[in-house]
N, C-alpha and C. Protein backbone atom coordinates (compact mmCIF):
# COMPACT_ATOMS: atom_id res chain seq x y z
N MET A 1 50.20 94.44 143.14
CA MET A 1 50.84 93.28 142.56
C MET A 1 52.29 93.23 143.04
N LYS A 2 52.68 92.09 143.54
CA LYS A 2 54.06 91.90 143.97
C LYS A 2 54.95 91.69 142.75
N LYS A 3 56.11 92.33 142.79
CA LYS A 3 57.09 92.19 141.71
C LYS A 3 58.44 91.90 142.35
N LYS A 4 59.19 91.01 141.73
CA LYS A 4 60.58 90.82 142.14
C LYS A 4 61.41 90.43 140.94
N VAL A 5 62.70 90.62 141.07
CA VAL A 5 63.63 90.32 139.98
C VAL A 5 64.51 89.15 140.40
N LEU A 6 64.54 88.12 139.57
CA LEU A 6 65.38 86.95 139.78
C LEU A 6 66.20 86.70 138.52
N ASN A 7 67.50 86.78 138.62
CA ASN A 7 68.38 86.49 137.47
C ASN A 7 67.95 87.20 136.19
N ASN A 8 67.75 88.50 136.27
CA ASN A 8 67.38 89.31 135.11
C ASN A 8 66.03 88.91 134.52
N THR A 9 65.15 88.37 135.36
CA THR A 9 63.79 88.00 134.98
C THR A 9 62.84 88.68 135.94
N LEU A 10 61.76 89.25 135.43
CA LEU A 10 60.75 89.87 136.28
C LEU A 10 59.71 88.83 136.64
N VAL A 11 59.42 88.71 137.93
CA VAL A 11 58.43 87.74 138.40
C VAL A 11 57.27 88.50 139.03
N THR A 12 56.06 88.22 138.55
CA THR A 12 54.84 88.79 139.13
C THR A 12 53.84 87.66 139.28
N ASP A 13 53.37 87.47 140.48
CA ASP A 13 52.46 86.36 140.75
C ASP A 13 53.06 85.07 140.21
N ARG A 14 52.44 84.47 139.22
CA ARG A 14 52.96 83.21 138.67
C ARG A 14 53.67 83.38 137.34
N TRP A 15 53.80 84.61 136.87
CA TRP A 15 54.40 84.87 135.55
C TRP A 15 55.85 85.29 135.66
N PHE A 16 56.67 84.74 134.75
CA PHE A 16 58.08 85.08 134.64
C PHE A 16 58.27 85.78 133.29
N TYR A 17 58.69 87.04 133.33
CA TYR A 17 58.89 87.83 132.10
C TYR A 17 60.36 87.83 131.71
N ASN A 18 60.64 87.54 130.45
CA ASN A 18 62.00 87.58 129.93
C ASN A 18 62.29 88.97 129.37
N LYS A 19 63.56 89.28 129.27
CA LYS A 19 63.98 90.57 128.74
C LYS A 19 63.53 90.71 127.28
N PRO A 20 63.00 91.87 126.92
CA PRO A 20 62.61 92.10 125.52
C PRO A 20 63.85 92.11 124.63
N ASN A 21 63.64 91.80 123.35
CA ASN A 21 64.77 91.70 122.44
C ASN A 21 64.39 92.33 121.09
N LEU A 22 65.22 93.23 120.61
CA LEU A 22 64.97 93.87 119.32
C LEU A 22 65.60 93.12 118.15
N THR A 23 66.36 92.08 118.45
CA THR A 23 66.98 91.26 117.42
C THR A 23 66.01 90.16 117.00
N PRO A 24 65.73 90.02 115.72
CA PRO A 24 64.80 88.97 115.28
C PRO A 24 65.30 87.57 115.68
N ASP A 25 64.34 86.70 116.03
CA ASP A 25 64.67 85.32 116.36
C ASP A 25 64.85 84.52 115.07
N LYS A 26 65.01 83.21 115.18
CA LYS A 26 65.27 82.37 114.00
C LYS A 26 64.12 82.39 112.99
N ASN A 27 62.91 82.77 113.44
CA ASN A 27 61.76 82.87 112.53
C ASN A 27 61.57 84.28 112.00
N GLY A 28 62.43 85.20 112.39
CA GLY A 28 62.31 86.59 111.94
C GLY A 28 61.40 87.44 112.81
N ASN A 29 60.90 86.87 113.92
CA ASN A 29 60.03 87.61 114.83
C ASN A 29 60.86 88.42 115.83
N ILE A 30 60.40 89.62 116.12
CA ILE A 30 61.00 90.44 117.17
C ILE A 30 60.09 90.25 118.39
N VAL A 31 60.58 89.51 119.37
CA VAL A 31 59.78 89.18 120.55
C VAL A 31 59.98 90.28 121.59
N LEU A 32 58.97 91.12 121.74
CA LEU A 32 59.06 92.25 122.66
C LEU A 32 58.57 91.90 124.06
N ILE A 33 57.58 91.04 124.15
CA ILE A 33 57.07 90.61 125.45
C ILE A 33 57.00 89.09 125.43
N HIS A 34 57.62 88.47 126.42
CA HIS A 34 57.57 87.01 126.53
C HIS A 34 57.43 86.65 128.00
N LYS A 35 56.37 85.90 128.30
CA LYS A 35 56.19 85.48 129.68
C LYS A 35 55.82 84.01 129.73
N VAL A 36 56.22 83.38 130.83
CA VAL A 36 56.01 81.95 131.01
C VAL A 36 55.46 81.72 132.42
N SER A 37 54.56 80.78 132.53
CA SER A 37 54.04 80.35 133.83
C SER A 37 54.39 78.88 134.00
N PHE A 38 54.79 78.51 135.22
CA PHE A 38 55.15 77.12 135.48
C PHE A 38 54.06 76.39 136.26
N GLY A 39 52.96 77.00 136.50
CA GLY A 39 51.88 76.34 137.21
C GLY A 39 50.56 77.02 136.96
N PRO A 40 49.86 76.62 135.92
CA PRO A 40 50.15 75.61 134.91
C PRO A 40 51.19 76.11 133.91
N LEU A 41 51.77 75.18 133.18
CA LEU A 41 52.81 75.53 132.22
C LEU A 41 52.16 76.13 130.97
N GLU A 42 52.43 77.41 130.75
CA GLU A 42 51.90 78.11 129.57
C GLU A 42 52.87 79.22 129.18
N CYS A 43 52.84 79.58 127.90
CA CYS A 43 53.72 80.61 127.35
C CYS A 43 52.89 81.62 126.58
N TRP A 44 53.30 82.88 126.67
CA TRP A 44 52.62 83.95 125.96
C TRP A 44 53.69 84.89 125.44
N GLU A 45 53.55 85.33 124.19
CA GLU A 45 54.48 86.32 123.67
C GLU A 45 53.79 87.27 122.72
N CYS A 46 54.43 88.39 122.53
CA CYS A 46 53.87 89.45 121.72
C CYS A 46 55.02 90.20 121.06
N GLY A 47 54.85 90.60 119.82
CA GLY A 47 55.91 91.33 119.15
C GLY A 47 55.57 91.67 117.72
N ILE A 48 56.60 91.68 116.90
CA ILE A 48 56.45 92.03 115.48
C ILE A 48 56.96 90.85 114.67
N ASP A 49 56.12 90.34 113.77
CA ASP A 49 56.54 89.16 113.01
C ASP A 49 57.46 89.53 111.85
N SER A 50 57.89 88.53 111.12
CA SER A 50 58.86 88.75 110.03
C SER A 50 58.30 89.62 108.91
N ASN A 51 56.97 89.78 108.87
CA ASN A 51 56.35 90.66 107.87
C ASN A 51 56.06 92.05 108.43
N LYS A 52 56.63 92.34 109.61
CA LYS A 52 56.47 93.65 110.28
C LYS A 52 55.05 93.89 110.78
N ILE A 53 54.31 92.81 111.07
CA ILE A 53 52.94 92.91 111.57
C ILE A 53 52.93 92.51 113.05
N PRO A 54 52.30 93.29 113.92
CA PRO A 54 52.22 92.93 115.34
C PRO A 54 51.46 91.61 115.50
N TYR A 55 51.93 90.78 116.44
CA TYR A 55 51.30 89.48 116.67
C TYR A 55 51.27 89.17 118.17
N GLU A 56 50.48 88.15 118.48
CA GLU A 56 50.39 87.62 119.84
C GLU A 56 50.26 86.11 119.71
N THR A 57 50.96 85.37 120.57
CA THR A 57 50.81 83.91 120.60
C THR A 57 50.58 83.45 122.02
N TYR A 58 49.88 82.35 122.14
CA TYR A 58 49.65 81.73 123.45
C TYR A 58 49.76 80.22 123.26
N LYS A 59 50.43 79.57 124.20
CA LYS A 59 50.54 78.11 124.13
C LYS A 59 50.36 77.52 125.52
N TRP A 60 49.41 76.63 125.63
CA TRP A 60 49.18 75.84 126.83
C TRP A 60 50.06 74.60 126.69
N CYS A 61 50.99 74.38 127.60
CA CYS A 61 51.96 73.31 127.45
C CYS A 61 51.73 72.16 128.45
N GLU A 62 50.76 72.30 129.31
CA GLU A 62 50.56 71.36 130.40
C GLU A 62 50.15 69.96 129.94
N ASN A 63 49.16 69.89 129.07
CA ASN A 63 48.69 68.59 128.57
C ASN A 63 47.88 68.82 127.29
N ASP A 64 47.40 67.77 126.70
CA ASP A 64 46.67 67.88 125.44
C ASP A 64 45.22 68.33 125.59
N LEU A 65 44.71 68.40 126.81
CA LEU A 65 43.30 68.75 127.01
C LEU A 65 42.97 70.16 126.54
N TYR A 66 43.93 71.06 126.65
CA TYR A 66 43.66 72.45 126.30
C TYR A 66 44.39 72.89 125.03
N GLU A 67 44.80 71.95 124.23
CA GLU A 67 45.54 72.27 123.02
C GLU A 67 44.76 73.22 122.10
N ASP A 68 43.43 73.15 122.15
CA ASP A 68 42.61 74.04 121.32
C ASP A 68 42.73 75.50 121.77
N GLU A 69 43.25 75.73 122.96
CA GLU A 69 43.41 77.08 123.49
C GLU A 69 44.60 77.80 122.83
N ASN A 70 45.50 77.05 122.21
CA ASN A 70 46.69 77.64 121.60
C ASN A 70 46.30 78.51 120.42
N TYR A 71 47.01 79.62 120.25
CA TYR A 71 46.72 80.47 119.10
C TYR A 71 47.93 81.32 118.74
N LYS A 72 47.91 81.78 117.52
CA LYS A 72 48.79 82.83 117.04
C LYS A 72 47.91 83.73 116.18
N LYS A 73 47.92 85.01 116.50
CA LYS A 73 47.05 85.92 115.75
C LYS A 73 47.75 87.27 115.58
N HIS A 74 47.33 87.96 114.55
CA HIS A 74 47.80 89.32 114.35
C HIS A 74 46.95 90.24 115.21
N ILE A 75 47.60 91.26 115.75
CA ILE A 75 46.89 92.26 116.55
C ILE A 75 47.15 93.63 115.93
N SER A 76 46.41 94.60 116.36
CA SER A 76 46.57 95.94 115.80
C SER A 76 47.80 96.63 116.40
N VAL A 77 48.26 97.64 115.71
CA VAL A 77 49.37 98.45 116.21
C VAL A 77 49.00 99.06 117.56
N SER A 78 47.77 99.54 117.69
CA SER A 78 47.37 100.16 118.95
C SER A 78 47.33 99.14 120.10
N GLU A 79 46.94 97.89 119.80
CA GLU A 79 46.97 96.85 120.84
C GLU A 79 48.39 96.58 121.32
N LEU A 80 49.32 96.46 120.37
CA LEU A 80 50.71 96.21 120.74
C LEU A 80 51.27 97.41 121.49
N ARG A 81 50.97 98.61 121.04
CA ARG A 81 51.43 99.81 121.73
C ARG A 81 50.94 99.82 123.17
N GLN A 82 49.68 99.47 123.39
CA GLN A 82 49.13 99.44 124.74
C GLN A 82 49.82 98.38 125.61
N LYS A 83 50.08 97.22 125.04
CA LYS A 83 50.77 96.16 125.78
C LYS A 83 52.18 96.60 126.16
N LEU A 84 52.86 97.28 125.25
CA LEU A 84 54.21 97.77 125.55
C LEU A 84 54.18 98.87 126.61
N ASN A 85 53.20 99.75 126.53
CA ASN A 85 53.05 100.78 127.58
C ASN A 85 52.76 100.14 128.94
N ASN A 86 51.97 99.07 128.94
CA ASN A 86 51.70 98.35 130.20
C ASN A 86 52.99 97.76 130.76
N MET A 87 53.86 97.26 129.89
CA MET A 87 55.13 96.70 130.34
C MET A 87 56.04 97.79 130.90
N ILE A 88 56.02 98.95 130.28
CA ILE A 88 56.81 100.07 130.79
C ILE A 88 56.39 100.38 132.22
N GLU A 89 55.09 100.39 132.46
CA GLU A 89 54.58 100.62 133.82
C GLU A 89 54.97 99.48 134.76
N LEU A 90 54.93 98.25 134.26
CA LEU A 90 55.23 97.09 135.10
C LEU A 90 56.69 97.08 135.57
N VAL A 91 57.62 97.47 134.71
CA VAL A 91 59.03 97.43 135.11
C VAL A 91 59.46 98.67 135.89
N LYS A 92 58.57 99.66 135.96
CA LYS A 92 58.89 100.87 136.71
C LYS A 92 59.20 100.49 138.16
N ASP A 93 60.17 101.15 138.72
CA ASP A 93 60.58 100.93 140.12
C ASP A 93 61.14 99.54 140.37
N THR A 94 61.74 98.93 139.34
CA THR A 94 62.43 97.65 139.52
C THR A 94 63.87 97.81 139.03
N LYS A 95 64.69 96.81 139.28
CA LYS A 95 66.06 96.82 138.78
C LYS A 95 66.09 96.68 137.26
N LEU A 96 64.95 96.35 136.67
CA LEU A 96 64.86 96.14 135.22
C LEU A 96 64.23 97.33 134.50
N GLU A 97 64.23 98.48 135.14
CA GLU A 97 63.61 99.66 134.55
C GLU A 97 64.23 100.01 133.20
N ASN A 98 65.48 99.58 132.97
CA ASN A 98 66.13 99.84 131.67
C ASN A 98 65.43 99.09 130.53
N TRP A 99 64.61 98.08 130.84
CA TRP A 99 63.82 97.41 129.81
C TRP A 99 62.90 98.41 129.11
N SER A 100 62.51 99.47 129.83
CA SER A 100 61.61 100.49 129.27
C SER A 100 62.14 101.04 127.96
N LEU A 101 63.45 101.21 127.87
CA LEU A 101 64.06 101.74 126.64
C LEU A 101 63.80 100.81 125.46
N ILE A 102 63.85 99.52 125.70
CA ILE A 102 63.59 98.55 124.63
C ILE A 102 62.12 98.58 124.24
N TYR A 103 61.23 98.64 125.25
CA TYR A 103 59.79 98.73 124.94
C TYR A 103 59.49 100.01 124.16
N LYS A 104 60.11 101.12 124.53
CA LYS A 104 59.90 102.38 123.81
C LYS A 104 60.41 102.28 122.37
N LYS A 105 61.54 101.61 122.19
CA LYS A 105 62.08 101.41 120.83
C LYS A 105 61.11 100.54 120.02
N GLY A 106 60.49 99.54 120.66
CA GLY A 106 59.48 98.72 119.99
C GLY A 106 58.30 99.56 119.54
N ILE A 107 57.88 100.49 120.38
CA ILE A 107 56.78 101.40 120.00
C ILE A 107 57.19 102.23 118.79
N GLU A 108 58.43 102.72 118.79
CA GLU A 108 58.92 103.51 117.64
C GLU A 108 58.90 102.66 116.37
N MET A 109 59.29 101.39 116.50
CA MET A 109 59.34 100.50 115.33
C MET A 109 57.95 100.31 114.72
N ILE A 110 56.94 100.12 115.55
CA ILE A 110 55.60 99.87 115.00
C ILE A 110 54.94 101.15 114.51
N ASP A 111 55.41 102.31 115.01
CA ASP A 111 54.85 103.58 114.57
C ASP A 111 55.46 104.08 113.27
N GLU A 112 56.55 103.43 112.82
CA GLU A 112 57.21 103.87 111.57
C GLU A 112 56.40 103.51 110.35
């Protein structure tokens, strides 16, 4: 898989990954993994919600035909841990390898 870094964003194939954040957003969610595709336009994120439960969301933004594909669901701690471990592997050997520390802190948060 080809990886490159553009403006503090990791790009792989058609996905653009944003930096993980341990600070809750306006909804109280801690967004640990967030990726966007611009062809087709879709968004995916994973983290810990305001109730401290791991979650995953997906949104198809291209048109109304696939609106039924959109979802937000709770996932298990082990699923989130695996996704975070996958991200640690993905950022390895990139200029964004320091993101690993945030992913590891996310793992610590869900294991508490």
